[in-house]
PDB file of N, CA and C in Angstrom:
ATOM      1  N   MET A   1     -76.464 -82.211-104.593  1.00  0.00           N
ATOM      2  CA  MET A   1     -76.348 -81.605-103.313  1.00  0.00           C
ATOM      3  C   MET A   1     -75.860 -82.595-102.292  1.00  0.00           C
ATOM      4  N   PRO A   2     -74.918 -82.228-101.458  1.00  0.00           N
ATOM      5  CA  PRO A   2     -74.293 -83.204-100.558  1.00  0.00           C
ATOM      6  C   PRO A   2     -75.248 -83.500 -99.438  1.00  0.00           C
ATOM      7  N   LYS A   3     -75.193 -84.676 -98.885  1.00  0.00           N
ATOM      8  CA  LYS A   3     -76.076 -85.141 -97.820  1.00  0.00           C
ATOM      9  C   LYS A   3     -75.570 -84.529 -96.518  1.00  0.00           C
ATOM     10  N   ILE A   4     -76.471 -84.030 -95.663  1.00  0.00           N
ATOM     11  CA  ILE A   4     -76.125 -83.425 -94.362  1.00  0.00           C
ATOM     12  C   ILE A   4     -75.856 -84.579 -93.402  1.00  0.00           C
ATOM     13  N   SER A   5     -74.766 -84.476 -92.643  1.00  0.00           N
ATOM     14  CA  SER A   5     -74.454 -85.525 -91.664  1.00  0.00           C
ATOM     15  C   SER A   5     -75.377 -85.529 -90.495  1.00  0.00           C
ATOM     16  N   LYS A   6     -75.443 -86.575 -89.819  1.00  0.00           N
ATOM     17  CA  LYS A   6     -76.248 -86.693 -88.541  1.00  0.00           C
ATOM     18  C   LYS A   6     -75.781 -85.675 -87.528  1.00  0.00           C
ATOM     19  N   THR A   7     -74.427 -85.477 -87.431  1.00  0.00           N
ATOM     20  CA  THR A   7     -73.929 -84.513 -86.393  1.00  0.00           C
ATOM     21  C   THR A   7     -74.275 -83.106 -86.762  1.00  0.00           C
ATOM     22  N   THR A   8     -74.232 -82.750 -87.997  1.00  0.00           N
ATOM     23  CA  THR A   8     -74.562 -81.396 -88.470  1.00  0.00           C
ATOM     24  C   THR A   8     -76.113 -81.147 -88.202  1.00  0.00           C
ATOM     25  N   ARG A   9     -76.900 -82.118 -88.565  1.00  0.00           N
ATOM     26  CA  ARG A   9     -78.307 -82.079 -88.362  1.00  0.00           C
ATOM     27  C   ARG A   9     -78.633 -81.862 -86.881  1.00  0.00           C
ATOM     28  N   MET A  10     -77.974 -82.611 -85.956  1.00  0.00           N
ATOM     29  CA  MET A  10     -78.192 -82.505 -84.543  1.00  0.00           C
ATOM     30  C   MET A  10     -77.766 -81.046 -84.075  1.00  0.00           C
ATOM     31  N   GLY A  11     -76.658 -80.530 -84.526  1.00  0.00           N
ATOM     32  CA  GLY A  11     -76.268 -79.165 -84.251  1.00  0.00           C
ATOM     33  C   GLY A  11     -77.253 -78.108 -84.674  1.00  0.00           C
ATOM     34  N   LEU A  12     -77.775 -78.321 -85.813  1.00  0.00           N
ATOM     35  CA  LEU A  12     -78.815 -77.443 -86.371  1.00  0.00           C
ATOM     36  C   LEU A  12     -80.062 -77.407 -85.419  1.00  0.00           C
ATOM     37  N   ARG A  13     -80.464 -78.615 -85.126  1.00  0.00           N
ATOM     38  CA  ARG A  13     -81.636 -78.712 -84.265  1.00  0.00           C
ATOM     39  C   ARG A  13     -81.435 -78.055 -82.871  1.00  0.00           C
ATOM     40  N   MET A  14     -80.202 -78.222 -82.364  1.00  0.00           N
ATOM     41  CA  MET A  14     -79.938 -77.572 -81.027  1.00  0.00           C
ATOM     42  C   MET A  14     -79.909 -76.034 -81.174  1.00  0.00           C
ATOM     43  N   MET A  15     -79.371 -75.562 -82.277  1.00  0.00           N
ATOM     44  CA  MET A  15     -79.334 -74.066 -82.498  1.00  0.00           C
ATOM     45  C   MET A  15     -80.738 -73.564 -82.722  1.00  0.00           C
ATOM     46  N   MET A  16     -81.573 -74.218 -83.433  1.00  0.00           N
ATOM     47  CA  MET A  16     -82.955 -73.852 -83.618  1.00  0.00           C
ATOM     48  C   MET A  16     -83.742 -73.790 -82.326  1.00  0.00           C
ATOM     49  N   GLY A  17     -83.439 -74.865 -81.498  1.00  0.00           N
ATOM     50  CA  GLY A  17     -84.150 -74.956 -80.181  1.00  0.00           C
ATOM     51  C   GLY A  17     -83.752 -73.762 -79.326  1.00  0.00           C
ATOM     52  N   LYS A  18     -82.505 -73.258 -79.382  1.00  0.00           N
ATOM     53  CA  LYS A  18     -82.044 -72.097 -78.594  1.00  0.00           C
ATOM     54  C   LYS A  18     -82.560 -70.779 -79.120  1.00  0.00           C
ATOM     55  N   GLY A  19     -83.230 -70.789 -80.358  1.00  0.00           N
ATOM     56  CA  GLY A  19     -83.771 -69.551 -80.880  1.00  0.00           C
ATOM     57  C   GLY A  19     -83.082 -68.984 -82.059  1.00  0.00           C
ATOM     58  N   ALA A  20     -82.116 -69.673 -82.609  1.00  0.00           N
ATOM     59  CA  ALA A  20     -81.350 -69.200 -83.781  1.00  0.00           C
ATOM     60  C   ALA A  20     -82.289 -69.169 -84.963  1.00  0.00           C
ATOM     61  N   LEU A  21     -82.215 -68.127 -85.844  1.00  0.00           N
ATOM     62  CA  LEU A  21     -83.001 -68.058 -87.006  1.00  0.00           C
ATOM     63  C   LEU A  21     -82.126 -68.254 -88.202  1.00  0.00           C
ATOM     64  N   PRO A  22     -82.614 -68.945 -89.259  1.00  0.00           N
ATOM     65  CA  PRO A  22     -81.899 -69.156 -90.496  1.00  0.00           C
ATOM     66  C   PRO A  22     -81.555 -67.787 -91.143  1.00  0.00           C
ATOM     67  N   GLY A  23     -80.279 -67.676 -91.561  1.00  0.00           N
ATOM     68  CA  GLY A  23     -79.863 -66.406 -92.199  1.00  0.00           C
ATOM     69  C   GLY A  23     -79.489 -65.300 -91.307  1.00  0.00           C
ATOM     70  N   LYS A  24     -79.708 -65.482 -90.011  1.00  0.00           N
ATOM     71  CA  LYS A  24     -79.336 -64.412 -89.047  1.00  0.00           C
ATOM     72  C   LYS A  24     -78.048 -64.775 -88.251  1.00  0.00           C
ATOM     73  N   GLY A  25     -77.386 -63.860 -87.669  1.00  0.00           N
ATOM     74  CA  GLY A  25     -76.174 -64.108 -87.003  1.00  0.00           C
ATOM     75  C   GLY A  25     -76.445 -64.777 -85.632  1.00  0.00           C
ATOM     76  N   LEU A  26     -75.381 -65.079 -84.948  1.00  0.00           N
ATOM     77  CA  LEU A  26     -75.476 -65.789 -83.657  1.00  0.00           C
ATOM     78  C   LEU A  26     -75.116 -64.889 -82.509  1.00  0.00           C
ATOM     79  N   GLY A  27     -74.856 -63.579 -82.713  1.00  0.00           N
ATOM     80  CA  GLY A  27     -74.519 -62.694 -81.583  1.00  0.00           C
ATOM     81  C   GLY A  27     -75.709 -62.293 -80.821  1.00  0.00           C
ATOM     82  N   ARG A  28     -75.532 -61.448 -79.800  1.00  0.00           N
ATOM     83  CA  ARG A  28     -76.585 -61.011 -78.892  1.00  0.00           C
ATOM     84  C   ARG A  28     -77.654 -60.282 -79.670  1.00  0.00           C
ATOM     85  N   HIS A  29     -77.260 -59.508 -80.577  1.00  0.00           N
ATOM     86  CA  HIS A  29     -78.204 -58.733 -81.351  1.00  0.00           C
ATOM     87  C   HIS A  29     -78.354 -59.244 -82.733  1.00  0.00           C
ATOM     88  N   LEU A  30     -78.135 -60.523 -83.002  1.00  0.00           N
ATOM     89  CA  LEU A  30     -78.213 -61.149 -84.229  1.00  0.00           C
ATOM     90  C   LEU A  30     -77.376 -60.504 -85.356  1.00  0.00           C
ATOM     91  N   GLN A  31     -76.200 -59.966 -84.922  1.00  0.00           N
ATOM     92  CA  GLN A  31     -75.284 -59.260 -85.887  1.00  0.00           C
ATOM     93  C   GLN A  31     -74.503 -60.290 -86.667  1.00  0.00           C
ATOM     94  N   ARG A  32     -73.995 -59.898 -87.743  1.00  0.00           N
ATOM     95  CA  ARG A  32     -73.067 -60.687 -88.676  1.00  0.00           C
ATOM     96  C   ARG A  32     -73.906 -61.894 -89.227  1.00  0.00           C
ATOM     97  N   GLU A  33     -73.859 -61.986 -90.469  1.00  0.00           N
ATOM     98  CA  GLU A  33     -74.518 -63.089 -91.182  1.00  0.00           C
ATOM     99  C   GLU A  33     -73.624 -64.323 -91.040  1.00  0.00           C
ATOM    100  N   VAL A  34     -74.239 -65.422 -90.914  1.00  0.00           N
ATOM    101  CA  VAL A  34     -73.484 -66.690 -90.747  1.00  0.00           C
ATOM    102  C   VAL A  34     -72.895 -67.087 -92.151  1.00  0.00           C
ATOM    103  N   GLN A  35     -71.565 -67.325 -92.132  1.00  0.00           N
ATOM    104  CA  GLN A  35     -70.902 -67.740 -93.362  1.00  0.00           C
ATOM    105  C   GLN A  35     -70.281 -69.072 -93.065  1.00  0.00           C
ATOM    106  N   VAL A  36     -70.306 -69.990 -94.048  1.00  0.00           N
ATOM    107  CA  VAL A  36     -69.673 -71.285 -93.958  1.00  0.00           C
ATOM    108  C   VAL A  36     -68.248 -71.236 -94.275  1.00  0.00           C
ATOM    109  N   PRO A  37     -67.305 -71.714 -93.443  1.00  0.00           N
ATOM    110  CA  PRO A  37     -65.882 -71.589 -93.742  1.00  0.00           C
ATOM    111  C   PRO A  37     -65.576 -72.490 -94.979  1.00  0.00           C
ATOM    112  N   MET A  38     -64.731 -71.920 -95.879  1.00  0.00           N
ATOM    113  CA  MET A  38     -64.399 -72.648 -97.095  1.00  0.00           C
ATOM    114  C   MET A  38     -62.965 -73.259 -96.973  1.00  0.00           C
ATOM    115  N   LEU A  39     -62.686 -74.351 -97.543  1.00  0.00           N
ATOM    116  CA  LEU A  39     -61.422 -74.962 -97.427  1.00  0.00           C
ATOM    117  C   LEU A  39     -60.492 -74.286 -98.497  1.00  0.00           C
ATOM    118  N   LYS A  40     -59.292 -74.105 -98.112  1.00  0.00           N
ATOM    119  CA  LYS A  40     -58.288 -73.536 -99.057  1.00  0.00           C
ATOM    120  C   LYS A  40     -57.543 -74.654 -99.837  1.00  0.00           C
ATOM    121  N   GLU A  41     -57.390 -74.414-101.093  1.00  0.00           N
ATOM    122  CA  GLU A  41     -56.660 -75.395-101.940  1.00  0.00           C
ATOM    123  C   GLU A  41     -55.165 -75.349-101.545  1.00  0.00           C
ATOM    124  N   MET A  42     -54.565 -76.478-101.387  1.00  0.00           N
ATOM    125  CA  MET A  42     -53.123 -76.527-101.091  1.00  0.00           C
ATOM    126  C   MET A  42     -52.293 -76.227-102.340  1.00  0.00           C
ATOM    127  N   ARG A  43     -51.590 -75.252-102.333  1.00  0.00           N
ATOM    128  CA  ARG A  43     -50.861 -74.724-103.499  1.00  0.00           C
ATOM    129  C   ARG A  43     -49.500 -75.374-103.662  1.00  0.00           C
ATOM    130  N   ASP A  44     -48.919 -75.904-102.576  1.00  0.00           N
ATOM    131  CA  ASP A  44     -47.665 -76.522-102.722  1.00  0.00           C
ATOM    132  C   ASP A  44     -47.651 -77.803-101.951  1.00  0.00           C
ATOM    133  N   HIS A  45     -46.610 -78.564-101.951  1.00  0.00           N
ATOM    134  CA  HIS A  45     -46.495 -79.872-101.279  1.00  0.00           C
ATOM    135  C   HIS A  45     -45.616 -79.800-100.103  1.00  0.00           C
ATOM    136  N   PHE A  46     -45.567 -78.672 -99.445  1.00  0.00           N
ATOM    137  CA  PHE A  46     -44.730 -78.509 -98.242  1.00  0.00           C
ATOM    138  C   PHE A  46     -45.680 -78.728 -97.012  1.00  0.00           C
ATOM    139  N   GLY A  47     -45.064 -79.141 -95.926  1.00  0.00           N
ATOM    140  CA  GLY A  47     -45.840 -79.391 -94.722  1.00  0.00           C
ATOM    141  C   GLY A  47     -46.236 -78.181 -93.997  1.00  0.00           C
ATOM    142  N   LEU A  48     -47.104 -78.320 -93.059  1.00  0.00           N
ATOM    143  CA  LEU A  48     -47.613 -77.270 -92.216  1.00  0.00           C
ATOM    144  C   LEU A  48     -46.467 -76.617 -91.412  1.00  0.00           C
ATOM    145  N   GLY A  49     -46.270 -75.285 -91.518  1.00  0.00           N
ATOM    146  CA  GLY A  49     -45.210 -74.626 -90.807  1.00  0.00           C
ATOM    147  C   GLY A  49     -43.883 -74.648 -91.476  1.00  0.00           C
ATOM    148  N   PHE A  50     -43.756 -75.421 -92.450  1.00  0.00           N
ATOM    149  CA  PHE A  50     -42.420 -75.552 -93.159  1.00  0.00           C
ATOM    150  C   PHE A  50     -42.101 -74.349 -93.976  1.00  0.00           C
ATOM    151  N   LYS A  51     -40.967 -73.778 -93.890  1.00  0.00           N
ATOM    152  CA  LYS A  51     -40.560 -72.599 -94.694  1.00  0.00           C
ATOM    153  C   LYS A  51     -39.475 -72.990 -95.666  1.00  0.00           C
ATOM    154  N   PRO A  52     -39.899 -73.183 -96.915  1.00  0.00           N
ATOM    155  CA  PRO A  52     -38.912 -73.620 -97.915  1.00  0.00           C
ATOM    156  C   PRO A  52     -37.929 -72.513 -98.298  1.00  0.00           C
ATOM    157  N   ASP A  53     -36.730 -72.928 -98.683  1.00  0.00           N
ATOM    158  CA  ASP A  53     -35.755 -71.847 -99.138  1.00  0.00           C
ATOM    159  C   ASP A  53     -35.994 -71.674-100.615  1.00  0.00           C
ATOM    160  N   ALA A  54     -35.190 -70.735-101.233  1.00  0.00           N
ATOM    161  CA  ALA A  54     -35.403 -70.385-102.622  1.00  0.00           C
ATOM    162  C   ALA A  54     -35.205 -71.582-103.504  1.00  0.00           C
ATOM    163  N   ARG A  55     -34.243 -72.434-103.273  1.00  0.00           N
ATOM    164  CA  ARG A  55     -33.926 -73.589-104.131  1.00  0.00           C
ATOM    165  C   ARG A  55     -35.185 -74.547-104.127  1.00  0.00           C
ATOM    166  N   GLN A  56     -35.752 -74.743-102.970  1.00  0.00           N
ATOM    167  CA  GLN A  56     -36.851 -75.647-102.884  1.00  0.00           C
ATOM    168  C   GLN A  56     -38.115 -75.121-103.521  1.00  0.00           C
ATOM    169  N   LYS A  57     -38.290 -73.818-103.454  1.00  0.00           N
ATOM    170  CA  LYS A  57     -39.445 -73.209-104.136  1.00  0.00           C
ATOM    171  C   LYS A  57     -39.304 -73.255-105.653  1.00  0.00           C
ATOM    172  N   ILE A  58     -38.083 -73.090-106.142  1.00  0.00           N
ATOM    173  CA  ILE A  58     -37.832 -73.154-107.633  1.00  0.00           C
ATOM    174  C   ILE A  58     -38.096 -74.564-108.057  1.00  0.00           C
ATOM    175  N   LYS A  59     -37.605 -75.584-107.330  1.00  0.00           N
ATOM    176  CA  LYS A  59     -37.769 -76.934-107.693  1.00  0.00           C
ATOM    177  C   LYS A  59     -39.324 -77.297-107.750  1.00  0.00           C
ATOM    178  N   GLU A  60     -40.124 -76.830-106.774  1.00  0.00           N
ATOM    179  CA  GLU A  60     -41.477 -77.072-106.713  1.00  0.00           C
ATOM    180  C   GLU A  60     -42.192 -76.402-107.932  1.00  0.00           C
ATOM    181  N   ILE A  61     -41.807 -75.235-108.295  1.00  0.00           N
ATOM    182  CA  ILE A  61     -42.399 -74.500-109.458  1.00  0.00           C
ATOM    183  C   ILE A  61     -42.102 -75.278-110.761  1.00  0.00           C
ATOM    184  N   GLU A  62     -40.876 -75.779-110.886  1.00  0.00           N
ATOM    185  CA  GLU A  62     -40.467 -76.608-112.067  1.00  0.00           C
ATOM    186  C   GLU A  62     -41.339 -77.849-112.172  1.00  0.00           C
ATOM    187  N   LYS A  63     -41.619 -78.450-111.012  1.00  0.00           N
ATOM    188  CA  LYS A  63     -42.382 -79.751-110.977  1.00  0.00           C
ATOM    189  C   LYS A  63     -43.864 -79.445-111.476  1.00  0.00           C
ATOM    190  N   LYS A  64     -44.376 -78.317-110.964  1.00  0.00           N
ATOM    191  CA  LYS A  64     -45.778 -77.883-111.348  1.00  0.00           C
ATOM    192  C   LYS A  64     -45.836 -77.632-112.826  1.00  0.00           C
ATOM    193  N   GLN A  65     -44.794 -76.889-113.364  1.00  0.00           N
ATOM    194  CA  GLN A  65     -44.822 -76.566-114.792  1.00  0.00           C
ATOM    195  C   GLN A  65     -44.707 -77.885-115.661  1.00  0.00           C
ATOM    196  N   GLU A  66     -43.936 -78.833-115.200  1.00  0.00           N
ATOM    197  CA  GLU A  66     -43.776 -80.108-115.926  1.00  0.00           C
ATOM    198  C   GLU A  66     -45.106 -80.872-115.925  1.00  0.00           C
ATOM    199  N   ARG A  67     -45.714 -80.924-114.788  1.00  0.00           N
ATOM    200  CA  ARG A  67     -47.090 -81.564-114.736  1.00  0.00           C
ATOM    201  C   ARG A  67     -48.104 -80.920-115.626  1.00  0.00           C
ATOM    202  N   ARG A  68     -48.019 -79.516-115.570  1.00  0.00           N
ATOM    203  CA  ARG A  68     -49.006 -78.787-116.408  1.00  0.00           C
ATOM    204  C   ARG A  68     -48.746 -79.046-117.893  1.00  0.00           C
ATOM    205  N   ARG A  69     -47.512 -79.070-118.324  1.00  0.00           N
ATOM    206  CA  ARG A  69     -47.079 -79.335-119.658  1.00  0.00           C
ATOM    207  C   ARG A  69     -47.684 -80.708-120.140  1.00  0.00           C
ATOM    208  N   ALA A  70     -47.421 -81.717-119.228  1.00  0.00           N
ATOM    209  CA  ALA A  70     -47.878 -83.021-119.591  1.00  0.00           C
ATOM    210  C   ALA A  70     -49.304 -83.171-119.698  1.00  0.00           C
ATOM    211  N   ARG A  71     -50.092 -82.432-118.793  1.00  0.00           N
ATOM    212  CA  ARG A  71     -51.515 -82.455-118.888  1.00  0.00           C
ATOM    213  C   ARG A  71     -52.043 -81.815-120.186  1.00  0.00           C
ATOM    214  N   LEU A  72     -51.391 -80.695-120.524  1.00  0.00           N
ATOM    215  CA  LEU A  72     -51.823 -80.072-121.783  1.00  0.00           C
ATOM    216  C   LEU A  72     -51.470 -80.779-123.021  1.00  0.00           C
ATOM    217  N   ASN A  73     -50.457 -81.572-123.012  1.00  0.00           N
ATOM    218  CA  ASN A  73     -50.090 -82.420-124.180  1.00  0.00           C
ATOM    219  C   ASN A  73     -50.757 -83.795-124.154  1.00  0.00           C
ATOM    220  N   GLY A  74     -51.527 -84.085-123.158  1.00  0.00           N
ATOM    221  CA  GLY A  74     -52.248 -85.363-123.116  1.00  0.00           C
ATOM    222  C   GLY A  74     -51.360 -86.440-122.584  1.00  0.00           C
ATOM    223  N   GLU A  75     -50.256 -86.155-122.106  1.00  0.00           N
ATOM    224  CA  GLU A  75     -49.275 -87.273-121.626  1.00  0.00           C
ATOM    225  C   GLU A  75     -49.579 -87.543-120.204  1.00  0.00           C
ATOM    226  N   GLU A  76     -49.075 -88.590-119.667  1.00  0.00           N
ATOM    227  CA  GLU A  76     -49.245 -88.913-118.283  1.00  0.00           C
ATOM    228  C   GLU A  76     -48.093 -88.223-117.431  1.00  0.00           C
ATOM    229  N   ALA A  77     -48.521 -87.627-116.363  1.00  0.00           N
ATOM    230  CA  ALA A  77     -47.542 -86.966-115.488  1.00  0.00           C
ATOM    231  C   ALA A  77     -46.713 -88.025-114.726  1.00  0.00           C
ATOM    232  N   GLN A  78     -45.496 -87.689-114.558  1.00  0.00           N
ATOM    233  CA  GLN A  78     -44.572 -88.639-113.814  1.00  0.00           C
ATOM    234  C   GLN A  78     -44.658 -88.298-112.378  1.00  0.00           C
ATOM    235  N   TRP A  79     -44.687 -89.345-111.460  1.00  0.00           N
ATOM    236  CA  TRP A  79     -44.738 -89.196-110.074  1.00  0.00           C
ATOM    237  C   TRP A  79     -43.383 -89.533-109.474  1.00  0.00           C
ATOM    238  N   GLU A  80     -43.088 -88.804-108.427  1.00  0.00           N
ATOM    239  CA  GLU A  80     -41.831 -89.118-107.742  1.00  0.00           C
ATOM    240  C   GLU A  80     -42.052 -89.747-106.372  1.00  0.00           C
TER     241      GLU A  80
END
């Protein structure tokens, strides 16, 4: 289990002090259950806001397939 940071712990203490209840929402009428935001896995190697054209997408797919093939065969993947 990951260790809770000091900042998170302080935020939790503040929320509990204001009357927040574990498992309840933060709205006026305690609506909506609190959910932790999850990180999305980066599927490609393009930058934020970059729109690749068809040729670049195909090249990226071929690279992924090559890496996958190497991993399945027990070989070392080549880096560029």
